[in-house]
PDB file of N, CA and C in Angstrom:
ATOM      1  N   MET A   1     -35.933  -7.604 -16.126  1.00  0.00           N
ATOM      2  CA  MET A   1     -36.294  -7.220 -14.832  1.00  0.00           C
ATOM      3  C   MET A   1     -36.776  -5.783 -14.807  1.00  0.00           C
ATOM      4  N   PRO A   2     -37.883  -5.520 -14.105  1.00  0.00           N
ATOM      5  CA  PRO A   2     -38.356  -4.156 -14.220  1.00  0.00           C
ATOM      6  C   PRO A   2     -37.449  -3.194 -13.378  1.00  0.00           C
ATOM      7  N   GLY A   3     -36.700  -3.677 -12.349  1.00  0.00           N
ATOM      8  CA  GLY A   3     -35.805  -2.735 -11.646  1.00  0.00           C
ATOM      9  C   GLY A   3     -34.503  -2.399 -12.247  1.00  0.00           C
ATOM     10  N   ALA A   4     -34.092  -3.120 -13.307  1.00  0.00           N
ATOM     11  CA  ALA A   4     -32.818  -2.908 -13.899  1.00  0.00           C
ATOM     12  C   ALA A   4     -32.583  -1.509 -14.477  1.00  0.00           C
ATOM     13  N   PRO A   5     -33.534  -0.914 -15.215  1.00  0.00           N
ATOM     14  CA  PRO A   5     -33.227   0.443 -15.743  1.00  0.00           C
ATOM     15  C   PRO A   5     -33.055   1.409 -14.574  1.00  0.00           C
ATOM     16  N   TYR A   6     -33.820   1.270 -13.490  1.00  0.00           N
ATOM     17  CA  TYR A   6     -33.719   2.186 -12.452  1.00  0.00           C
ATOM     18  C   TYR A   6     -32.288   2.104 -11.794  1.00  0.00           C
ATOM     19  N   ARG A   7     -31.840   0.816 -11.675  1.00  0.00           N
ATOM     20  CA  ARG A   7     -30.532   0.670 -11.066  1.00  0.00           C
ATOM     21  C   ARG A   7     -29.454   1.173 -12.001  1.00  0.00           C
ATOM     22  N   ARG A   8     -29.584   0.931 -13.330  1.00  0.00           N
ATOM     23  CA  ARG A   8     -28.626   1.463 -14.241  1.00  0.00           C
ATOM     24  C   ARG A   8     -28.651   3.042 -14.193  1.00  0.00           C
ATOM     25  N   GLU A   9     -29.837   3.644 -14.114  1.00  0.00           N
ATOM     26  CA  GLU A   9     -29.924   5.059 -14.014  1.00  0.00           C
ATOM     27  C   GLU A   9     -29.277   5.555 -12.733  1.00  0.00           C
ATOM     28  N   ASN A  10     -29.432   4.773 -11.631  1.00  0.00           N
ATOM     29  CA  ASN A  10     -28.828   5.116 -10.359  1.00  0.00           C
ATOM     30  C   ASN A  10     -27.310   5.179 -10.494  1.00  0.00           C
ATOM     31  N   MET A  11     -26.701   4.197 -11.181  1.00  0.00           N
ATOM     32  CA  MET A  11     -25.278   4.127 -11.311  1.00  0.00           C
ATOM     33  C   MET A  11     -24.775   5.222 -12.232  1.00  0.00           C
ATOM     34  N   SER A  12     -25.503   5.679 -13.123  1.00  0.00           N
ATOM     35  CA  SER A  12     -25.067   6.764 -14.063  1.00  0.00           C
ATOM     36  C   SER A  12     -25.161   8.080 -13.271  1.00  0.00           C
ATOM     37  N   ASN A  13     -25.978   8.190 -12.279  1.00  0.00           N
ATOM     38  CA  ASN A  13     -26.023   9.414 -11.456  1.00  0.00           C
ATOM     39  C   ASN A  13     -24.978   9.385 -10.356  1.00  0.00           C
ATOM     40  N   LEU A  14     -24.090   8.428 -10.343  1.00  0.00           N
ATOM     41  CA  LEU A  14     -23.031   8.321  -9.277  1.00  0.00           C
ATOM     42  C   LEU A  14     -22.167   9.594  -9.345  1.00  0.00           C
ATOM     43  N   GLU A  15     -21.833  10.064 -10.508  1.00  0.00           N
ATOM     44  CA  GLU A  15     -20.946  11.174 -10.702  1.00  0.00           C
ATOM     45  C   GLU A  15     -21.596  12.424 -10.161  1.00  0.00           C
ATOM     46  N   GLU A  16     -22.927  12.503 -10.272  1.00  0.00           N
ATOM     47  CA  GLU A  16     -23.638  13.649  -9.801  1.00  0.00           C
ATOM     48  C   GLU A  16     -23.640  13.671  -8.265  1.00  0.00           C
ATOM     49  N   LYS A  17     -23.728  12.522  -7.649  1.00  0.00           N
ATOM     50  CA  LYS A  17     -23.665  12.392  -6.202  1.00  0.00           C
ATOM     51  C   LYS A  17     -22.172  12.731  -5.683  1.00  0.00           C
ATOM     52  N   PHE A  18     -21.279  12.263  -6.444  1.00  0.00           N
ATOM     53  CA  PHE A  18     -19.830  12.482  -6.011  1.00  0.00           C
ATOM     54  C   PHE A  18     -19.174  13.262  -7.093  1.00  0.00           C
ATOM     55  N   PRO A  19     -19.029  14.558  -6.992  1.00  0.00           N
ATOM     56  CA  PRO A  19     -18.458  15.379  -7.991  1.00  0.00           C
ATOM     57  C   PRO A  19     -17.050  14.957  -8.408  1.00  0.00           C
ATOM     58  N   ARG A  20     -16.612  15.429  -9.596  1.00  0.00           N
ATOM     59  CA  ARG A  20     -15.284  15.034 -10.062  1.00  0.00           C
ATOM     60  C   ARG A  20     -14.189  15.519  -9.146  1.00  0.00           C
ATOM     61  N   ALA A  21     -14.315  16.648  -8.507  1.00  0.00           N
ATOM     62  CA  ALA A  21     -13.314  17.143  -7.626  1.00  0.00           C
ATOM     63  C   ALA A  21     -13.116  16.185  -6.407  1.00  0.00           C
ATOM     64  N   LEU A  22     -14.239  15.632  -6.011  1.00  0.00           N
ATOM     65  CA  LEU A  22     -14.122  14.676  -4.793  1.00  0.00           C
ATOM     66  C   LEU A  22     -13.304  13.426  -5.251  1.00  0.00           C
ATOM     67  N   TRP A  23     -13.575  12.968  -6.505  1.00  0.00           N
ATOM     68  CA  TRP A  23     -12.827  11.815  -6.971  1.00  0.00           C
ATOM     69  C   TRP A  23     -11.392  12.064  -7.126  1.00  0.00           C
ATOM     70  N   VAL A  24     -11.030  13.224  -7.610  1.00  0.00           N
ATOM     71  CA  VAL A  24      -9.662  13.677  -7.794  1.00  0.00           C
ATOM     72  C   VAL A  24      -8.929  13.765  -6.379  1.00  0.00           C
ATOM     73  N   ARG A  25      -9.649  14.336  -5.486  1.00  0.00           N
ATOM     74  CA  ARG A  25      -9.111  14.514  -4.125  1.00  0.00           C
ATOM     75  C   ARG A  25      -8.888  13.091  -3.490  1.00  0.00           C
ATOM     76  N   LEU A  26      -9.848  12.259  -3.715  1.00  0.00           N
ATOM     77  CA  LEU A  26      -9.673  10.822  -3.167  1.00  0.00           C
ATOM     78  C   LEU A  26      -8.505  10.179  -3.723  1.00  0.00           C
ATOM     79  N   VAL A  27      -8.275  10.272  -4.987  1.00  0.00           N
ATOM     80  CA  VAL A  27      -7.107   9.625  -5.662  1.00  0.00           C
ATOM     81  C   VAL A  27      -5.773  10.258  -5.154  1.00  0.00           C
ATOM     82  N   VAL A  28      -5.754  11.582  -5.063  1.00  0.00           N
ATOM     83  CA  VAL A  28      -4.607  12.269  -4.602  1.00  0.00           C
ATOM     84  C   VAL A  28      -4.292  11.822  -3.187  1.00  0.00           C
ATOM     85  N   TYR A  29      -5.306  11.873  -2.282  1.00  0.00           N
ATOM     86  CA  TYR A  29      -5.000  11.449  -0.908  1.00  0.00           C
ATOM     87  C   TYR A  29      -4.555  10.031  -0.770  1.00  0.00           C
ATOM     88  N   THR A  30      -5.124   9.153  -1.644  1.00  0.00           N
ATOM     89  CA  THR A  30      -4.652   7.759  -1.626  1.00  0.00           C
ATOM     90  C   THR A  30      -3.231   7.642  -2.074  1.00  0.00           C
ATOM     91  N   VAL A  31      -2.831   8.295  -3.098  1.00  0.00           N
ATOM     92  CA  VAL A  31      -1.443   8.234  -3.600  1.00  0.00           C
ATOM     93  C   VAL A  31      -0.493   8.796  -2.592  1.00  0.00           C
ATOM     94  N   VAL A  32      -0.848   9.991  -2.023  1.00  0.00           N
ATOM     95  CA  VAL A  32       0.026  10.610  -1.022  1.00  0.00           C
ATOM     96  C   VAL A  32       0.082   9.755   0.252  1.00  0.00           C
ATOM     97  N   GLY A  33      -0.973   9.220   0.644  1.00  0.00           N
ATOM     98  CA  GLY A  33      -0.937   8.321   1.799  1.00  0.00           C
ATOM     99  C   GLY A  33      -0.030   7.126   1.605  1.00  0.00           C
ATOM    100  N   HIS A  34      -0.048   6.521   0.363  1.00  0.00           N
ATOM    101  CA  HIS A  34       0.808   5.413   0.115  1.00  0.00           C
ATOM    102  C   HIS A  34       2.252   5.889   0.009  1.00  0.00           C
ATOM    103  N   LEU A  35       2.540   6.994  -0.459  1.00  0.00           N
ATOM    104  CA  LEU A  35       3.895   7.542  -0.504  1.00  0.00           C
ATOM    105  C   LEU A  35       4.453   7.755   0.893  1.00  0.00           C
ATOM    106  N   VAL A  36       3.639   8.378   1.803  1.00  0.00           N
ATOM    107  CA  VAL A  36       4.084   8.565   3.127  1.00  0.00           C
ATOM    108  C   VAL A  36       4.245   7.234   3.832  1.00  0.00           C
ATOM    109  N   ALA A  37       3.416   6.272   3.672  1.00  0.00           N
ATOM    110  CA  ALA A  37       3.568   4.966   4.250  1.00  0.00           C
ATOM    111  C   ALA A  37       4.863   4.279   3.748  1.00  0.00           C
ATOM    112  N   GLY A  38       5.101   4.421   2.443  1.00  0.00           N
ATOM    113  CA  GLY A  38       6.325   3.855   1.827  1.00  0.00           C
ATOM    114  C   GLY A  38       7.605   4.494   2.448  1.00  0.00           C
ATOM    115  N   PHE A  39       7.513   5.793   2.665  1.00  0.00           N
ATOM    116  CA  PHE A  39       8.707   6.483   3.217  1.00  0.00           C
ATOM    117  C   PHE A  39       8.945   6.094   4.662  1.00  0.00           C
ATOM    118  N   ILE A  40       7.868   5.936   5.399  1.00  0.00           N
ATOM    119  CA  ILE A  40       7.963   5.496   6.863  1.00  0.00           C
ATOM    120  C   ILE A  40       8.562   4.049   6.800  1.00  0.00           C
ATOM    121  N   TRP A  41       8.088   3.210   5.934  1.00  0.00           N
ATOM    122  CA  TRP A  41       8.661   1.821   5.814  1.00  0.00           C
ATOM    123  C   TRP A  41      10.145   1.882   5.453  1.00  0.00           C
ATOM    124  N   LEU A  42      10.545   2.810   4.527  1.00  0.00           N
ATOM    125  CA  LEU A  42      11.913   2.905   4.168  1.00  0.00           C
ATOM    126  C   LEU A  42      12.791   3.332   5.363  1.00  0.00           C
ATOM    127  N   LEU A  43      12.225   4.253   6.153  1.00  0.00           N
ATOM    128  CA  LEU A  43      13.010   4.691   7.305  1.00  0.00           C
ATOM    129  C   LEU A  43      13.265   3.496   8.242  1.00  0.00           C
ATOM    130  N   PHE A  44      12.245   2.703   8.452  1.00  0.00           N
ATOM    131  CA  PHE A  44      12.421   1.500   9.303  1.00  0.00           C
ATOM    132  C   PHE A  44      13.431   0.488   8.722  1.00  0.00           C
ATOM    133  N   GLU A  45      13.358   0.388   7.352  1.00  0.00           N
ATOM    134  CA  GLU A  45      14.295  -0.548   6.801  1.00  0.00           C
ATOM    135  C   GLU A  45      15.740  -0.063   6.884  1.00  0.00           C
ATOM    136  N   VAL A  46      15.950   1.178   6.664  1.00  0.00           N
ATOM    137  CA  VAL A  46      17.270   1.752   6.752  1.00  0.00           C
ATOM    138  C   VAL A  46      17.763   1.736   8.230  1.00  0.00           C
ATOM    139  N   GLY A  47      16.836   2.058   9.140  1.00  0.00           N
ATOM    140  CA  GLY A  47      17.211   2.101  10.589  1.00  0.00           C
ATOM    141  C   GLY A  47      17.511   0.740  11.120  1.00  0.00           C
ATOM    142  N   ALA A  48      16.862  -0.323  10.566  1.00  0.00           N
ATOM    143  CA  ALA A  48      17.109  -1.666  11.045  1.00  0.00           C
ATOM    144  C   ALA A  48      18.420  -2.220  10.477  1.00  0.00           C
ATOM    145  N   GLY A  49      18.945  -1.707   9.393  1.00  0.00           N
ATOM    146  CA  GLY A  49      20.104  -2.283   8.736  1.00  0.00           C
ATOM    147  C   GLY A  49      21.372  -1.924   9.285  1.00  0.00           C
TER     148      GLY A  49
END
């Protein structure tokens, strides 16, 4: 397919569009968000018991 190399090049430029710091921040926010949600769930479980 003539469009395949362009698409592959586009995917390799993904890190240039989204810098490494943005990926790290995204992962950290996701992990922290899940920890906060788990803590709130734990509070409800302890409070209901």
